[in-house]
């Protein structure tokens, strides 16, 4: 049984999931949290929010001093991931090579530690891009270690939203505040199953505590099936905005994204992501309440909590990609 003074190592800890998970674990009373990430600015945000957490700046794709942080670890939560990029190289480096390094270090320094691996619903997607391919390969690499005796579980969340979000729904919500009209591609009736980030973190926490045998793999979706255009309307309402939502023909919307990519070093929304939005994916997830023991928040309620929390709603990470 996991104890509050057990050492927990979290990779990719300064990202969206990591920030929410560390917040959850600190508030639960855990005393030995090690947060590893290569993004200095976001790691600094975490250090300011939670000064009791040990933060380690490191690129996991390269061997280094960070490896010693795994000594004595009871649980490792693997969250590091490349979400977006203009070429395939960062996906290979951050989703595949970094994972191989972490698994090697676990074998050498923490062979008894339990691994919670954050995969993605995209491994079951009809989409085909660098993110899908690299996350699928990453999961295969992780699962292969189970045959070598590694105790682990795999969680596959759908699109997530919540506090600290520098991209996706968080970026779109901030964009909605700054522009006279809010554009969406095509008719906007693209069914989504968004998962509240804190609910995903609660599921991670359950796996950390219970450490189930048998290498379970759980697909997690939000409790609501909701169209993209309706998501944007609920976000607008939660923020108290009046911004009109305007449908843009898909070819024109794609041209707008390509033009943005030419002038922005880190485009928050890419053509690949637009096509993934429109791909028509429908995911089947486990009954979260039955498997993990808590009731997930519906989208409307979770959106209100996301944009109206007195401490965390105003904290936004720097986009890492």
Protein backbone atom coordinates (compact mmCIF):
# COMPACT_ATOMS: atom_id res chain seq x y z
CA UNK A 1 0.00 0.00 0.00
CA UNK A 2 1.42 3.36 -1.01
CA UNK A 3 2.41 5.54 1.95
CA UNK A 4 2.45 9.34 2.12
CA UNK A 5 6.22 9.34 2.66
CA UNK A 6 7.00 6.98 -0.27
CA UNK A 7 9.09 8.39 -3.09
CA UNK A 8 7.13 9.13 -6.25
CA UNK A 9 8.88 10.15 -9.47
CA UNK A 10 6.85 11.93 -12.16
CA UNK A 11 8.26 12.46 -15.64
CA UNK A 12 6.86 15.24 -17.79
CA UNK A 13 5.70 16.70 -14.49
CA UNK A 14 5.52 20.32 -15.64
CA UNK A 15 3.02 19.64 -18.41
CA UNK A 16 -0.76 19.82 -18.26
CA UNK A 17 -1.33 16.45 -16.60
CA UNK A 18 1.77 16.74 -14.45
CA UNK A 19 0.79 20.10 -12.97
CA UNK A 20 -2.68 18.80 -12.10
CA UNK A 21 -1.33 15.53 -10.71
CA UNK A 22 1.28 17.22 -8.52
CA UNK A 23 -1.43 19.59 -7.24
CA UNK A 24 -3.65 16.62 -6.38
CA UNK A 25 -0.84 14.68 -4.67
CA UNK A 26 0.42 17.66 -2.66
CA UNK A 27 -3.09 18.34 -1.42
CA UNK A 28 -3.40 14.63 -0.52
CA UNK A 29 -0.30 14.92 1.71
CA UNK A 30 2.45 13.12 -0.23
CA UNK A 31 5.86 14.20 1.01
CA UNK A 32 8.43 12.83 -1.46
CA UNK A 33 7.44 14.00 -4.92
CA UNK A 34 10.13 14.32 -7.59
CA UNK A 35 9.01 16.29 -10.64
CA UNK A 36 11.21 15.92 -13.73
CA UNK A 37 10.74 18.00 -16.87
CA UNK A 38 12.88 19.74 -19.49
CA UNK A 39 10.74 22.87 -19.70
CA UNK A 40 12.40 25.37 -17.38
CA UNK A 41 9.63 27.98 -17.30
CA UNK A 42 6.85 25.51 -16.53
CA UNK A 43 8.97 23.69 -13.98
CA UNK A 44 9.49 27.07 -12.32
CA UNK A 45 5.72 27.57 -12.19
CA UNK A 46 5.40 24.24 -10.44
CA UNK A 47 8.12 25.12 -7.95
CA UNK A 48 6.33 28.37 -7.07
CA UNK A 49 2.96 26.67 -6.68
CA UNK A 50 4.34 23.75 -4.66
CA UNK A 51 7.70 24.57 -3.04
CA UNK A 52 7.75 21.26 -1.14
CA UNK A 53 8.15 19.32 -4.40
CA UNK A 54 11.65 18.48 -5.66
CA UNK A 55 11.88 19.78 -9.23
CA UNK A 56 14.54 18.48 -11.62
CA UNK A 57 15.31 20.12 -14.96
CA UNK A 58 16.37 17.39 -17.39
CA UNK A 59 15.98 16.09 -20.93
CA UNK A 60 14.99 12.45 -20.50
CA UNK A 61 16.09 11.56 -24.03
CA UNK A 62 19.70 11.92 -22.83
CA UNK A 63 21.45 9.97 -20.06
CA UNK A 64 22.35 12.23 -17.16
CA UNK A 65 22.34 13.10 -13.49
CA UNK A 66 18.52 12.81 -13.45
CA UNK A 67 18.88 9.03 -13.33
CA UNK A 68 19.84 9.15 -9.63
CA UNK A 69 16.41 10.60 -8.85
CA UNK A 70 14.92 7.12 -9.41
CA UNK A 71 16.84 5.58 -6.52
CA UNK A 72 14.35 4.38 -3.95
CA UNK A 73 11.28 5.22 -6.03
CA UNK A 74 8.14 3.27 -5.10
CA UNK A 75 6.01 4.61 -7.96
CA UNK A 76 6.94 6.16 -11.31
CA UNK A 77 4.30 8.06 -13.28
CA UNK A 78 5.32 8.48 -16.91
CA UNK A 79 3.69 11.57 -18.40
CA UNK A 80 6.29 13.03 -20.75
CA UNK A 81 4.94 13.39 -24.28
CA UNK A 82 5.33 15.40 -27.46
CA UNK A 83 1.86 16.61 -28.43
CA UNK A 84 2.53 18.83 -31.45
CA UNK A 85 5.41 19.66 -33.74
CA UNK A 86 6.32 20.66 -37.28
CA UNK A 87 8.50 17.59 -37.98
CA UNK A 88 8.64 13.97 -36.82
CA UNK A 89 11.96 14.40 -34.96
CA UNK A 90 10.61 15.79 -31.65
CA UNK A 91 7.94 13.08 -31.51
CA UNK A 92 10.58 10.37 -31.93
CA UNK A 93 12.88 11.99 -29.40
CA UNK A 94 10.36 12.81 -26.68
CA UNK A 95 7.81 10.01 -27.03
CA UNK A 96 10.08 7.11 -27.95
CA UNK A 97 13.73 7.75 -27.07
CA UNK A 98 12.95 9.40 -23.73
CA UNK A 99 10.68 6.49 -22.82
CA UNK A 100 13.41 3.97 -23.59
CA UNK A 101 15.77 5.90 -21.32
CA UNK A 102 13.26 6.02 -18.44
CA UNK A 103 12.52 2.30 -18.70
CA UNK A 104 16.25 1.53 -18.71
CA UNK A 105 16.79 3.62 -15.60
CA UNK A 106 13.89 1.92 -13.85
CA UNK A 107 15.41 -1.50 -14.55
CA UNK A 108 18.75 -0.37 -13.19
CA UNK A 109 17.72 1.79 -10.23
CA UNK A 110 14.11 1.07 -9.29
CA UNK A 111 13.22 -2.45 -10.47
CA UNK A 112 10.48 -2.86 -7.85
CA UNK A 113 8.76 0.45 -8.58
CA UNK A 114 5.25 0.40 -10.00
CA UNK A 115 4.86 2.24 -13.32
CA UNK A 116 1.76 4.18 -14.30
CA UNK A 117 2.08 5.01 -17.99
CA UNK A 118 -0.07 7.73 -19.55
CA UNK A 119 -0.78 6.60 -23.08
CA UNK A 120 -3.52 8.13 -25.24
CA UNK A 121 -6.81 7.23 -26.87
CA UNK A 122 -5.13 8.03 -30.21
CA UNK A 123 -3.63 4.53 -30.23
CA UNK A 124 -7.16 3.49 -31.26
CA UNK A 125 -7.68 6.44 -33.61
CA UNK A 126 -8.38 6.43 -37.34
CA UNK A 127 -6.06 9.43 -37.62
CA UNK A 128 -2.50 8.93 -38.91
CA UNK A 129 0.10 11.53 -37.94
CA UNK A 130 3.37 11.79 -36.03
CA UNK A 131 1.62 12.01 -32.67
CA UNK A 132 -0.54 8.94 -33.28
CA UNK A 133 2.36 6.88 -34.62
CA UNK A 134 4.79 7.84 -31.86
CA UNK A 135 2.31 7.34 -29.00
CA UNK A 136 1.36 3.93 -30.42
CA UNK A 137 5.02 2.92 -30.57
CA UNK A 138 5.62 4.31 -27.09
CA UNK A 139 2.86 2.16 -25.64
CA UNK A 140 4.24 -0.96 -27.34
CA UNK A 141 7.67 -0.29 -25.84
CA UNK A 142 6.16 0.12 -22.36
CA UNK A 143 4.02 -3.01 -22.57
CA UNK A 144 7.00 -5.06 -23.74
CA UNK A 145 8.66 -4.45 -20.37
CA UNK A 146 5.85 -6.35 -18.63
CA UNK A 147 7.28 -9.56 -20.08
CA UNK A 148 10.55 -8.67 -18.35
CA UNK A 149 8.88 -8.38 -14.95
CA UNK A 150 7.98 -4.69 -14.85
CA UNK A 151 4.79 -4.08 -12.86
CA UNK A 152 2.70 -1.49 -14.64
CA UNK A 153 -0.63 -0.24 -15.86
CA UNK A 154 -1.55 1.83 -18.91
CA UNK A 155 -4.15 4.59 -18.98
CA UNK A 156 -5.43 5.99 -22.29
CA UNK A 157 -7.24 9.30 -21.90
CA UNK A 158 -9.17 11.14 -24.59
CA UNK A 159 -8.85 14.88 -25.21
CA UNK A 160 -8.25 16.56 -21.85
CA UNK A 161 -8.91 20.00 -20.46
CA UNK A 162 -8.47 21.72 -17.14
CA UNK A 163 -6.28 24.07 -15.12
CA UNK A 164 -2.97 25.34 -16.54
CA UNK A 165 -3.76 24.36 -20.17
CA UNK A 166 -1.49 26.29 -22.60
CA UNK A 167 -2.98 24.61 -25.67
CA UNK A 168 -6.18 22.94 -26.84
CA UNK A 169 -9.29 24.13 -25.00
CA UNK A 170 -7.36 26.48 -22.73
CA UNK A 171 -5.79 28.32 -25.64
CA UNK A 172 -9.11 28.43 -27.51
CA UNK A 173 -10.82 29.88 -24.43
CA UNK A 174 -8.23 32.66 -24.17
CA UNK A 175 -8.47 33.31 -27.92
CA UNK A 176 -12.21 33.73 -27.53
CA UNK A 177 -11.55 36.63 -25.14
CA UNK A 178 -9.37 38.50 -27.64
CA UNK A 179 -11.11 38.29 -31.00
CA UNK A 180 -14.43 39.73 -32.24
CA UNK A 181 -15.67 36.42 -33.65
CA UNK A 182 -14.60 32.85 -32.92
CA UNK A 183 -14.01 30.64 -36.00
CA UNK A 184 -14.62 26.90 -36.13
CA UNK A 185 -13.93 24.56 -39.07
CA UNK A 186 -16.91 23.43 -41.14
CA UNK A 187 -20.20 22.68 -39.43
CA UNK A 188 -18.57 22.08 -36.04
CA UNK A 189 -20.55 18.92 -35.36
CA UNK A 190 -17.51 16.83 -34.49
CA UNK A 191 -18.32 14.62 -31.54
CA UNK A 192 -15.81 14.82 -28.69
CA UNK A 193 -15.54 12.97 -25.38
CA UNK A 194 -13.45 15.43 -23.36
CA UNK A 195 -11.99 14.23 -20.08
CA UNK A 196 -11.45 16.59 -17.16
CA UNK A 197 -7.78 16.54 -16.31
CA UNK A 198 -8.35 16.26 -12.58
CA UNK A 199 -10.49 13.18 -13.16
CA UNK A 200 -7.65 11.61 -15.11
CA UNK A 201 -5.28 12.47 -12.25
CA UNK A 202 -7.68 10.89 -9.77
CA UNK A 203 -7.55 7.70 -11.85
CA UNK A 204 -3.74 7.83 -11.84
CA UNK A 205 -3.82 8.22 -8.06
CA UNK A 206 -6.04 5.15 -7.70
CA UNK A 207 -3.59 3.08 -9.77
CA UNK A 208 -0.66 4.40 -7.74
CA UNK A 209 -2.33 3.26 -4.52
CA UNK A 210 -3.77 -0.07 -5.66
CA UNK A 211 -0.97 -1.16 -8.04
CA UNK A 212 -3.11 -3.87 -9.66
CA UNK A 213 -1.54 -7.01 -11.06
CA UNK A 214 -1.91 -8.22 -14.63
CA UNK A 215 -0.85 -5.10 -16.57
CA UNK A 216 -4.32 -3.54 -16.86
CA UNK A 217 -5.03 -1.18 -19.74
CA UNK A 218 -7.87 1.28 -19.24
CA UNK A 219 -9.38 3.61 -21.81
CA UNK A 220 -10.80 6.73 -20.18
CA UNK A 221 -13.28 9.08 -21.80
CA UNK A 222 -15.27 11.96 -20.42
CA UNK A 223 -18.81 11.15 -19.29
CA UNK A 224 -20.36 13.35 -22.00
CA UNK A 225 -20.52 12.96 -25.79
CA UNK A 226 -20.58 16.53 -27.01
CA UNK A 227 -20.04 18.29 -30.35
CA UNK A 228 -17.09 20.61 -30.72
CA UNK A 229 -19.29 23.64 -31.42
CA UNK A 230 -21.31 23.00 -28.26
CA UNK A 231 -18.11 22.68 -26.24
CA UNK A 232 -17.09 26.13 -27.43
CA UNK A 233 -20.48 27.54 -26.46
CA UNK A 234 -20.25 26.11 -22.94
CA UNK A 235 -16.74 27.51 -22.53
CA UNK A 236 -17.96 30.90 -23.72
CA UNK A 237 -20.81 30.81 -21.21
CA UNK A 238 -18.55 29.68 -18.34
CA UNK A 239 -16.28 32.66 -19.00
CA UNK A 240 -19.18 35.09 -19.30
CA UNK A 241 -18.34 36.05 -22.89
CA UNK A 242 -20.59 37.09 -25.78
CA UNK A 243 -18.21 36.26 -28.66
CA UNK A 244 -20.14 35.11 -31.78
CA UNK A 245 -19.15 31.66 -33.06
CA UNK A 246 -18.73 31.58 -36.85
CA UNK A 247 -18.41 28.51 -39.07
CA UNK A 248 -15.53 28.69 -41.59
CA UNK A 249 -15.25 26.38 -44.64
CA UNK A 250 -12.69 23.67 -43.95
CA UNK A 251 -10.33 24.54 -46.87
CA UNK A 252 -10.18 28.18 -45.77
CA UNK A 253 -9.68 27.19 -42.13
CA UNK A 254 -6.79 24.95 -43.20
CA UNK A 255 -5.19 27.82 -45.11
CA UNK A 256 -5.50 30.01 -42.03
CA UNK A 257 -3.71 27.40 -39.93
CA UNK A 258 -0.92 26.99 -42.50
CA UNK A 259 -0.43 30.75 -42.61
CA UNK A 260 -0.27 30.87 -38.80
CA UNK A 261 2.35 28.09 -38.79
CA UNK A 262 4.59 30.20 -41.04
CA UNK A 263 4.71 33.10 -38.61
CA UNK A 264 4.38 31.33 -35.25
CA UNK A 265 7.25 29.33 -33.77
CA UNK A 266 4.87 27.22 -31.72
CA UNK A 267 1.47 27.12 -33.44
CA UNK A 268 -1.14 26.11 -30.85
CA UNK A 269 -3.40 24.41 -33.40
CA UNK A 270 -2.12 22.65 -36.51
CA UNK A 271 -3.61 21.25 -39.69
CA UNK A 272 -2.94 17.73 -38.39
CA UNK A 273 -4.91 18.51 -35.26
CA UNK A 274 -7.75 19.93 -37.35
CA UNK A 275 -7.93 16.70 -39.34
CA UNK A 276 -7.80 14.69 -36.09
CA UNK A 277 -10.72 16.79 -34.79
CA UNK A 278 -12.73 15.94 -37.90
CA UNK A 279 -11.70 12.27 -38.09
CA UNK A 280 -14.90 10.98 -36.54
CA UNK A 281 -13.29 9.00 -33.73
CA UNK A 282 -15.56 7.47 -31.13
CA UNK A 283 -13.89 5.87 -28.15
CA UNK A 284 -15.24 3.34 -25.68
CA UNK A 285 -14.02 3.89 -22.16
CA UNK A 286 -14.35 2.01 -18.91
CA UNK A 287 -16.99 2.88 -16.35
CA UNK A 288 -14.82 5.26 -14.32
CA UNK A 289 -17.00 5.09 -11.24
CA UNK A 290 -16.99 1.29 -11.25
CA UNK A 291 -13.27 0.84 -12.02
CA UNK A 292 -11.77 3.76 -10.10
CA UNK A 293 -14.39 4.43 -7.46
CA UNK A 294 -15.31 8.06 -8.15
CA UNK A 295 -17.85 9.86 -10.31
CA UNK A 296 -16.27 12.00 -13.05
CA UNK A 297 -17.51 15.55 -13.57
CA UNK A 298 -19.69 16.35 -16.56
CA UNK A 299 -18.26 18.77 -19.11
CA UNK A 300 -20.36 21.79 -18.14
CA UNK A 301 -19.55 21.46 -14.42
CA UNK A 302 -15.87 20.79 -15.05
CA UNK A 303 -15.57 23.80 -17.38
CA UNK A 304 -16.96 26.06 -14.65
CA UNK A 305 -14.40 24.68 -12.19
CA UNK A 306 -11.62 25.09 -14.76
CA UNK A 307 -12.23 28.76 -15.46
CA UNK A 308 -13.41 29.93 -12.05
CA UNK A 309 -10.97 28.48 -9.49
CA UNK A 310 -9.61 31.26 -7.22
CA UNK A 311 -5.99 30.08 -7.37
CA UNK A 312 -5.41 27.96 -10.46
CA UNK A 313 -7.67 29.37 -13.19
CA UNK A 314 -5.30 32.28 -13.86
CA UNK A 315 -2.15 30.13 -14.08
CA UNK A 316 -1.23 29.29 -17.68
CA UNK A 317 1.77 27.25 -18.73
CA UNK A 318 4.10 28.23 -21.53
CA UNK A 319 3.50 26.08 -24.60
CA UNK A 320 6.36 23.54 -24.61
CA UNK A 321 6.22 22.65 -28.32
